[in-house]
PDB file of N, CA and C in Angstrom:
ATOM      1  N   MET A   1       0.669 -16.198  -2.922  1.00  0.00           N
ATOM      2  CA  MET A   1       1.599 -15.180  -2.478  1.00  0.00           C
ATOM      3  C   MET A   1       1.501 -15.102  -0.948  1.00  0.00           C
ATOM      4  N   ASP A   2       2.638 -15.267  -0.272  1.00  0.00           N
ATOM      5  CA  ASP A   2       2.604 -15.237   1.185  1.00  0.00           C
ATOM      6  C   ASP A   2       2.599 -13.800   1.715  1.00  0.00           C
ATOM      7  N   ILE A   3       2.309 -13.679   2.984  1.00  0.00           N
ATOM      8  CA  ILE A   3       2.151 -12.362   3.610  1.00  0.00           C
ATOM      9  C   ILE A   3       3.414 -11.528   3.492  1.00  0.00           C
ATOM     10  N   GLU A   4       4.562 -12.137   3.742  1.00  0.00           N
ATOM     11  CA  GLU A   4       5.821 -11.381   3.674  1.00  0.00           C
ATOM     12  C   GLU A   4       6.067 -10.826   2.281  1.00  0.00           C
ATOM     13  N   SER A   5       5.774 -11.598   1.241  1.00  0.00           N
ATOM     14  CA  SER A   5       6.011 -11.073  -0.111  1.00  0.00           C
ATOM     15  C   SER A   5       5.037  -9.955  -0.456  1.00  0.00           C
ATOM     16  N   VAL A   6       3.821 -10.005   0.088  1.00  0.00           N
ATOM     17  CA  VAL A   6       2.868  -8.912  -0.127  1.00  0.00           C
ATOM     18  C   VAL A   6       3.404  -7.635   0.523  1.00  0.00           C
ATOM     19  N   ILE A   7       3.854  -7.748   1.757  1.00  0.00           N
ATOM     20  CA  ILE A   7       4.399  -6.587   2.470  1.00  0.00           C
ATOM     21  C   ILE A   7       5.612  -6.033   1.734  1.00  0.00           C
ATOM     22  N   GLU A   8       6.505  -6.910   1.284  1.00  0.00           N
ATOM     23  CA  GLU A   8       7.694  -6.459   0.554  1.00  0.00           C
ATOM     24  C   GLU A   8       7.312  -5.727  -0.728  1.00  0.00           C
ATOM     25  N   LYS A   9       6.317  -6.232  -1.449  1.00  0.00           N
ATOM     26  CA  LYS A   9       5.887  -5.575  -2.691  1.00  0.00           C
ATOM     27  C   LYS A   9       5.290  -4.199  -2.409  1.00  0.00           C
ATOM     28  N   ILE A  10       4.458  -4.112  -1.384  1.00  0.00           N
ATOM     29  CA  ILE A  10       3.858  -2.823  -1.026  1.00  0.00           C
ATOM     30  C   ILE A  10       4.948  -1.818  -0.676  1.00  0.00           C
ATOM     31  N   ASP A  11       5.882  -2.244   0.151  1.00  0.00           N
ATOM     32  CA  ASP A  11       6.967  -1.347   0.567  1.00  0.00           C
ATOM     33  C   ASP A  11       7.831  -0.936  -0.620  1.00  0.00           C
ATOM     34  N   ARG A  12       8.106  -1.875  -1.519  1.00  0.00           N
ATOM     35  CA  ARG A  12       8.920  -1.562  -2.702  1.00  0.00           C
ATOM     36  C   ARG A  12       8.204  -0.551  -3.595  1.00  0.00           C
ATOM     37  N   ILE A  13       6.899  -0.706  -3.744  1.00  0.00           N
ATOM     38  CA  ILE A  13       6.119   0.253  -4.534  1.00  0.00           C
ATOM     39  C   ILE A  13       6.231   1.643  -3.921  1.00  0.00           C
ATOM     40  N   LEU A  14       6.083   1.734  -2.608  1.00  0.00           N
ATOM     41  CA  LEU A  14       6.187   3.037  -1.941  1.00  0.00           C
ATOM     42  C   LEU A  14       7.566   3.661  -2.154  1.00  0.00           C
ATOM     43  N   VAL A  15       8.612   2.863  -2.018  1.00  0.00           N
ATOM     44  CA  VAL A  15       9.983   3.367  -2.194  1.00  0.00           C
ATOM     45  C   VAL A  15      10.211   3.789  -3.639  1.00  0.00           C
ATOM     46  N   ASP A  16       9.849   2.936  -4.577  1.00  0.00           N
ATOM     47  CA  ASP A  16      10.131   3.203  -5.994  1.00  0.00           C
ATOM     48  C   ASP A  16       9.266   4.322  -6.570  1.00  0.00           C
ATOM     49  N   GLU A  17       7.977   4.276  -6.308  1.00  0.00           N
ATOM     50  CA  GLU A  17       7.054   5.239  -6.912  1.00  0.00           C
ATOM     51  C   GLU A  17       7.191   6.646  -6.343  1.00  0.00           C
ATOM     52  N   PHE A  18       7.533   6.730  -5.065  1.00  0.00           N
ATOM     53  CA  PHE A  18       7.525   8.035  -4.404  1.00  0.00           C
ATOM     54  C   PHE A  18       8.903   8.471  -3.921  1.00  0.00           C
ATOM     55  N   GLU A  19       9.926   7.745  -4.377  1.00  0.00           N
ATOM     56  CA  GLU A  19      11.318   8.081  -4.074  1.00  0.00           C
ATOM     57  C   GLU A  19      11.549   8.247  -2.574  1.00  0.00           C
ATOM     58  N   LEU A  20      11.029   7.285  -1.815  1.00  0.00           N
ATOM     59  CA  LEU A  20      11.192   7.291  -0.365  1.00  0.00           C
ATOM     60  C   LEU A  20      12.406   6.455   0.018  1.00  0.00           C
ATOM     61  N   GLU A  21      12.948   6.729   1.181  1.00  0.00           N
ATOM     62  CA  GLU A  21      14.039   5.922   1.717  1.00  0.00           C
ATOM     63  C   GLU A  21      13.441   4.639   2.292  1.00  0.00           C
ATOM     64  N   PRO A  22      14.046   3.483   1.997  1.00  0.00           N
ATOM     65  CA  PRO A  22      13.499   2.229   2.524  1.00  0.00           C
ATOM     66  C   PRO A  22      13.318   2.239   4.042  1.00  0.00           C
ATOM     67  N   GLY A  23      14.222   2.876   4.759  1.00  0.00           N
ATOM     68  CA  GLY A  23      14.115   2.930   6.214  1.00  0.00           C
ATOM     69  C   GLY A  23      12.944   3.752   6.722  1.00  0.00           C
ATOM     70  N   ASP A  24      12.383   4.595   5.863  1.00  0.00           N
ATOM     71  CA  ASP A  24      11.229   5.413   6.249  1.00  0.00           C
ATOM     72  C   ASP A  24       9.909   4.670   6.086  1.00  0.00           C
ATOM     73  N   VAL A  25       9.917   3.617   5.282  1.00  0.00           N
ATOM     74  CA  VAL A  25       8.691   2.867   4.997  1.00  0.00           C
ATOM     75  C   VAL A  25       8.573   1.735   6.020  1.00  0.00           C
ATOM     76  N   VAL A  26       8.011   2.087   7.162  1.00  0.00           N
ATOM     77  CA  VAL A  26       7.815   1.151   8.269  1.00  0.00           C
ATOM     78  C   VAL A  26       6.331   1.146   8.622  1.00  0.00           C
ATOM     79  N   PRO A  27       5.839   0.078   9.259  1.00  0.00           N
ATOM     80  CA  PRO A  27       4.401  -0.017   9.526  1.00  0.00           C
ATOM     81  C   PRO A  27       3.800   1.189  10.240  1.00  0.00           C
ATOM     82  N   GLU A  28       4.540   1.791  11.143  1.00  0.00           N
ATOM     83  CA  GLU A  28       3.971   2.914  11.900  1.00  0.00           C
ATOM     84  C   GLU A  28       4.083   4.258  11.184  1.00  0.00           C
ATOM     85  N   ALA A  29       4.731   4.297  10.029  1.00  0.00           N
ATOM     86  CA  ALA A  29       4.877   5.554   9.281  1.00  0.00           C
ATOM     87  C   ALA A  29       3.516   6.031   8.791  1.00  0.00           C
ATOM     88  N   ARG A  30       3.213   7.291   9.073  1.00  0.00           N
ATOM     89  CA  ARG A  30       1.956   7.887   8.619  1.00  0.00           C
ATOM     90  C   ARG A  30       2.131   8.349   7.175  1.00  0.00           C
ATOM     91  N   LEU A  31       1.172   7.993   6.353  1.00  0.00           N
ATOM     92  CA  LEU A  31       1.278   8.265   4.921  1.00  0.00           C
ATOM     93  C   LEU A  31       1.382   9.756   4.627  1.00  0.00           C
ATOM     94  N   ARG A  32       0.544  10.543   5.239  1.00  0.00           N
ATOM     95  CA  ARG A  32       0.528  11.981   4.941  1.00  0.00           C
ATOM     96  C   ARG A  32       1.596  12.744   5.728  1.00  0.00           C
ATOM     97  N   GLU A  33       1.625  12.546   7.022  1.00  0.00           N
ATOM     98  CA  GLU A  33       2.509  13.334   7.864  1.00  0.00           C
ATOM     99  C   GLU A  33       3.976  12.930   7.734  1.00  0.00           C
ATOM    100  N   ASP A  34       4.266  11.635   7.772  1.00  0.00           N
ATOM    101  CA  ASP A  34       5.656  11.171   7.761  1.00  0.00           C
ATOM    102  C   ASP A  34       6.211  11.004   6.350  1.00  0.00           C
ATOM    103  N   LEU A  35       5.408  10.423   5.460  1.00  0.00           N
ATOM    104  CA  LEU A  35       5.889  10.155   4.098  1.00  0.00           C
ATOM    105  C   LEU A  35       5.508  11.259   3.123  1.00  0.00           C
ATOM    106  N   GLU A  36       4.695  12.191   3.592  1.00  0.00           N
ATOM    107  CA  GLU A  36       4.287  13.364   2.812  1.00  0.00           C
ATOM    108  C   GLU A  36       3.581  13.007   1.500  1.00  0.00           C
ATOM    109  N   LEU A  37       2.727  11.985   1.565  1.00  0.00           N
ATOM    110  CA  LEU A  37       1.930  11.601   0.403  1.00  0.00           C
ATOM    111  C   LEU A  37       0.612  12.365   0.447  1.00  0.00           C
ATOM    112  N   ASP A  38       0.217  12.924  -0.683  1.00  0.00           N
ATOM    113  CA  ASP A  38      -1.056  13.639  -0.745  1.00  0.00           C
ATOM    114  C   ASP A  38      -2.088  12.780  -1.473  1.00  0.00           C
ATOM    115  N   SER A  39      -3.267  13.328  -1.722  1.00  0.00           N
ATOM    116  CA  SER A  39      -4.340  12.536  -2.336  1.00  0.00           C
ATOM    117  C   SER A  39      -3.991  12.106  -3.761  1.00  0.00           C
ATOM    118  N   LEU A  40      -3.264  12.921  -4.502  1.00  0.00           N
ATOM    119  CA  LEU A  40      -2.833  12.506  -5.849  1.00  0.00           C
ATOM    120  C   LEU A  40      -1.852  11.348  -5.765  1.00  0.00           C
ATOM    121  N   ASP A  41      -0.961  11.389  -4.783  1.00  0.00           N
ATOM    122  CA  ASP A  41      -0.053  10.263  -4.560  1.00  0.00           C
ATOM    123  C   ASP A  41      -0.855   9.014  -4.211  1.00  0.00           C
ATOM    124  N   GLY A  42      -1.935   9.207  -3.454  1.00  0.00           N
ATOM    125  CA  GLY A  42      -2.793   8.082  -3.104  1.00  0.00           C
ATOM    126  C   GLY A  42      -3.381   7.412  -4.333  1.00  0.00           C
ATOM    127  N   MET A  43      -3.787   8.210  -5.301  1.00  0.00           N
ATOM    128  CA  MET A  43      -4.324   7.649  -6.545  1.00  0.00           C
ATOM    129  C   MET A  43      -3.227   6.909  -7.318  1.00  0.00           C
ATOM    130  N   ASP A  44      -2.028   7.477  -7.355  1.00  0.00           N
ATOM    131  CA  ASP A  44      -0.902   6.801  -8.008  1.00  0.00           C
ATOM    132  C   ASP A  44      -0.586   5.485  -7.304  1.00  0.00           C
ATOM    133  N   LEU A  45      -0.684   5.487  -5.989  1.00  0.00           N
ATOM    134  CA  LEU A  45      -0.438   4.270  -5.216  1.00  0.00           C
ATOM    135  C   LEU A  45      -1.466   3.197  -5.568  1.00  0.00           C
ATOM    136  N   ILE A  46      -2.717   3.580  -5.691  1.00  0.00           N
ATOM    137  CA  ILE A  46      -3.768   2.628  -6.049  1.00  0.00           C
ATOM    138  C   ILE A  46      -3.468   1.977  -7.394  1.00  0.00           C
ATOM    139  N   VAL A  47      -3.116   2.779  -8.382  1.00  0.00           N
ATOM    140  CA  VAL A  47      -2.807   2.249  -9.718  1.00  0.00           C
ATOM    141  C   VAL A  47      -1.636   1.272  -9.641  1.00  0.00           C
ATOM    142  N   ALA A  48      -0.584   1.650  -8.927  1.00  0.00           N
ATOM    143  CA  ALA A  48       0.603   0.796  -8.819  1.00  0.00           C
ATOM    144  C   ALA A  48       0.282  -0.507  -8.088  1.00  0.00           C
ATOM    145  N   LEU A  49      -0.504  -0.429  -7.026  1.00  0.00           N
ATOM    146  CA  LEU A  49      -0.862  -1.633  -6.273  1.00  0.00           C
ATOM    147  C   LEU A  49      -1.722  -2.568  -7.112  1.00  0.00           C
ATOM    148  N   GLU A  50      -2.689  -2.019  -7.825  1.00  0.00           N
ATOM    149  CA  GLU A  50      -3.543  -2.854  -8.673  1.00  0.00           C
ATOM    150  C   GLU A  50      -2.716  -3.549  -9.747  1.00  0.00           C
ATOM    151  N   LYS A  51      -1.797  -2.817 -10.340  1.00  0.00           N
ATOM    152  CA  LYS A  51      -0.963  -3.383 -11.402  1.00  0.00           C
ATOM    153  C   LYS A  51      -0.036  -4.469 -10.852  1.00  0.00           C
ATOM    154  N   GLU A  52       0.610  -4.195  -9.744  1.00  0.00           N
ATOM    155  CA  GLU A  52       1.604  -5.111  -9.185  1.00  0.00           C
ATOM    156  C   GLU A  52       0.985  -6.333  -8.514  1.00  0.00           C
ATOM    157  N   LEU A  53      -0.115  -6.128  -7.781  1.00  0.00           N
ATOM    158  CA  LEU A  53      -0.699  -7.218  -7.005  1.00  0.00           C
ATOM    159  C   LEU A  53      -1.888  -7.880  -7.691  1.00  0.00           C
ATOM    160  N   GLY A  54      -2.395  -7.259  -8.748  1.00  0.00           N
ATOM    161  CA  GLY A  54      -3.511  -7.849  -9.473  1.00  0.00           C
ATOM    162  C   GLY A  54      -4.798  -7.896  -8.675  1.00  0.00           C
ATOM    163  N   VAL A  55      -4.988  -6.926  -7.819  1.00  0.00           N
ATOM    164  CA  VAL A  55      -6.192  -6.888  -6.998  1.00  0.00           C
ATOM    165  C   VAL A  55      -6.849  -5.524  -7.164  1.00  0.00           C
ATOM    166  N   ARG A  56      -8.165  -5.511  -7.197  1.00  0.00           N
ATOM    167  CA  ARG A  56      -8.912  -4.252  -7.300  1.00  0.00           C
ATOM    168  C   ARG A  56      -8.880  -3.568  -5.947  1.00  0.00           C
ATOM    169  N   VAL A  57      -8.517  -2.292  -5.943  1.00  0.00           N
ATOM    170  CA  VAL A  57      -8.419  -1.533  -4.699  1.00  0.00           C
ATOM    171  C   VAL A  57      -9.504  -0.463  -4.693  1.00  0.00           C
ATOM    172  N   ASP A  58     -10.328  -0.468  -3.656  1.00  0.00           N
ATOM    173  CA  ASP A  58     -11.356   0.558  -3.510  1.00  0.00           C
ATOM    174  C   ASP A  58     -10.676   1.854  -3.081  1.00  0.00           C
ATOM    175  N   GLU A  59     -10.746   2.855  -3.947  1.00  0.00           N
ATOM    176  CA  GLU A  59     -10.008   4.096  -3.689  1.00  0.00           C
ATOM    177  C   GLU A  59     -10.465   4.805  -2.424  1.00  0.00           C
ATOM    178  N   LYS A  60     -11.754   4.795  -2.149  1.00  0.00           N
ATOM    179  CA  LYS A  60     -12.245   5.475  -0.943  1.00  0.00           C
ATOM    180  C   LYS A  60     -11.703   4.812   0.318  1.00  0.00           C
ATOM    181  N   GLU A  61     -11.686   3.487   0.310  1.00  0.00           N
ATOM    182  CA  GLU A  61     -11.170   2.768   1.475  1.00  0.00           C
ATOM    183  C   GLU A  61      -9.679   3.006   1.649  1.00  0.00           C
ATOM    184  N   LEU A  62      -8.919   2.895   0.570  1.00  0.00           N
ATOM    185  CA  LEU A  62      -7.470   3.057   0.678  1.00  0.00           C
ATOM    186  C   LEU A  62      -7.103   4.470   1.111  1.00  0.00           C
ATOM    187  N   LEU A  63      -7.802   5.462   0.604  1.00  0.00           N
ATOM    188  CA  LEU A  63      -7.473   6.847   0.944  1.00  0.00           C
ATOM    189  C   LEU A  63      -7.800   7.188   2.402  1.00  0.00           C
ATOM    190  N   ARG A  64      -8.585   6.334   3.068  1.00  0.00           N
ATOM    191  CA  ARG A  64      -8.884   6.540   4.490  1.00  0.00           C
ATOM    192  C   ARG A  64      -7.786   5.998   5.403  1.00  0.00           C
ATOM    193  N   LEU A  65      -6.928   5.161   4.861  1.00  0.00           N
ATOM    194  CA  LEU A  65      -5.889   4.545   5.684  1.00  0.00           C
ATOM    195  C   LEU A  65      -4.849   5.579   6.079  1.00  0.00           C
ATOM    196  N   LYS A  66      -4.324   5.433   7.274  1.00  0.00           N
ATOM    197  CA  LYS A  66      -3.418   6.444   7.826  1.00  0.00           C
ATOM    198  C   LYS A  66      -1.945   6.025   7.823  1.00  0.00           C
ATOM    199  N   THR A  67      -1.665   4.732   7.961  1.00  0.00           N
ATOM    200  CA  THR A  67      -0.273   4.289   8.099  1.00  0.00           C
ATOM    201  C   THR A  67       0.071   3.206   7.076  1.00  0.00           C
ATOM    202  N   VAL A  68       1.356   2.975   6.924  1.00  0.00           N
ATOM    203  CA  VAL A  68       1.826   1.898   6.047  1.00  0.00           C
ATOM    204  C   VAL A  68       1.287   0.559   6.554  1.00  0.00           C
ATOM    205  N   GLY A  69       1.277   0.364   7.863  1.00  0.00           N
ATOM    206  CA  GLY A  69       0.755  -0.876   8.437  1.00  0.00           C
ATOM    207  C   GLY A  69      -0.706  -1.106   8.094  1.00  0.00           C
ATOM    208  N   GLU A  70      -1.501  -0.042   8.072  1.00  0.00           N
ATOM    209  CA  GLU A  70      -2.910  -0.169   7.691  1.00  0.00           C
ATOM    210  C   GLU A  70      -3.038  -0.556   6.223  1.00  0.00           C
ATOM    211  N   VAL A  71      -2.146  -0.055   5.382  1.00  0.00           N
ATOM    212  CA  VAL A  71      -2.146  -0.444   3.966  1.00  0.00           C
ATOM    213  C   VAL A  71      -1.817  -1.933   3.856  1.00  0.00           C
ATOM    214  N   HIS A  72      -0.815  -2.392   4.607  1.00  0.00           N
ATOM    215  CA  HIS A  72      -0.461  -3.817   4.610  1.00  0.00           C
ATOM    216  C   HIS A  72      -1.684  -4.665   4.970  1.00  0.00           C
ATOM    217  N   THR A  73      -2.337  -4.313   6.067  1.00  0.00           N
ATOM    218  CA  THR A  73      -3.486  -5.080   6.555  1.00  0.00           C
ATOM    219  C   THR A  73      -4.626  -5.077   5.542  1.00  0.00           C
ATOM    220  N   PHE A  74      -4.922  -3.914   4.995  1.00  0.00           N
ATOM    221  CA  PHE A  74      -5.998  -3.773   4.014  1.00  0.00           C
ATOM    222  C   PHE A  74      -5.748  -4.663   2.796  1.00  0.00           C
ATOM    223  N   LEU A  75      -4.523  -4.629   2.275  1.00  0.00           N
ATOM    224  CA  LEU A  75      -4.237  -5.391   1.059  1.00  0.00           C
ATOM    225  C   LEU A  75      -4.118  -6.886   1.321  1.00  0.00           C
ATOM    226  N   ARG A  76      -3.625  -7.268   2.485  1.00  0.00           N
ATOM    227  CA  ARG A  76      -3.610  -8.699   2.827  1.00  0.00           C
ATOM    228  C   ARG A  76      -5.034  -9.223   2.838  1.00  0.00           C
ATOM    229  N   ALA A  77      -5.958  -8.470   3.430  1.00  0.00           N
ATOM    230  CA  ALA A  77      -7.364  -8.887   3.482  1.00  0.00           C
ATOM    231  C   ALA A  77      -7.969  -8.944   2.085  1.00  0.00           C
ATOM    232  N   ALA A  78      -7.658  -7.958   1.244  1.00  0.00           N
ATOM    233  CA  ALA A  78      -8.191  -7.938  -0.127  1.00  0.00           C
ATOM    234  C   ALA A  78      -7.680  -9.137  -0.920  1.00  0.00           C
ATOM    235  N   LEU A  79      -6.407  -9.463  -0.752  1.00  0.00           N
ATOM    236  CA  LEU A  79      -5.844 -10.613  -1.466  1.00  0.00           C
ATOM    237  C   LEU A  79      -6.419 -11.920  -0.933  1.00  0.00           C
ATOM    238  N   ALA A  80      -6.591 -12.028   0.371  1.00  0.00           N
ATOM    239  CA  ALA A  80      -7.167 -13.236   0.960  1.00  0.00           C
ATOM    240  C   ALA A  80      -8.600 -13.431   0.478  1.00  0.00           C
ATOM    241  N   GLU A  81      -9.346 -12.348   0.387  1.00  0.00           N
ATOM    242  CA  GLU A  81     -10.726 -12.413  -0.094  1.00  0.00           C
ATOM    243  C   GLU A  81     -10.766 -12.885  -1.545  1.00  0.00           C
ATOM    244  N   ARG A  82      -9.838 -12.396  -2.343  1.00  0.00           N
ATOM    245  CA  ARG A  82      -9.784 -12.789  -3.749  1.00  0.00           C
ATOM    246  C   ARG A  82      -9.469 -14.282  -3.880  1.00  0.00           C
ATOM    247  N   ILE A  83      -8.600 -14.784  -3.020  1.00  0.00           N
ATOM    248  CA  ILE A  83      -8.206 -16.190  -3.082  1.00  0.00           C
ATOM    249  C   ILE A  83      -9.363 -17.095  -2.677  1.00  0.00           C
ATOM    250  N   THR A  84     -10.137 -16.691  -1.668  1.00  0.00           N
ATOM    251  CA  THR A  84     -11.233 -17.535  -1.193  1.00  0.00           C
ATOM    252  C   THR A  84     -12.512 -17.361  -2.000  1.00  0.00           C
ATOM    253  N   ALA A  85     -12.560 -16.353  -2.851  1.00  0.00           N
ATOM    254  CA  ALA A  85     -13.776 -16.096  -3.638  1.00  0.00           C
ATOM    255  C   ALA A  85     -13.894 -17.039  -4.811  1.00  0.00           C
TER     256      ALA A  85
END
């Protein structure tokens, strides 16, 4: 899976799961302040990401991330680690 398809999947999950506007899901968007996601939404996001991407997501690490771009970076690294493991 290439980087662009990972980013597209993450963004699609955010739009579909949380009824966000696609134009609002940009790398600099803050998860809590801009997209208004709370900790329960964070748990829902983890479940959706694990299901869609087939990668185990550490909930403590993901919940520390502040922006959509940080989520992209975190998951790209997790997927790369899984591929090289």
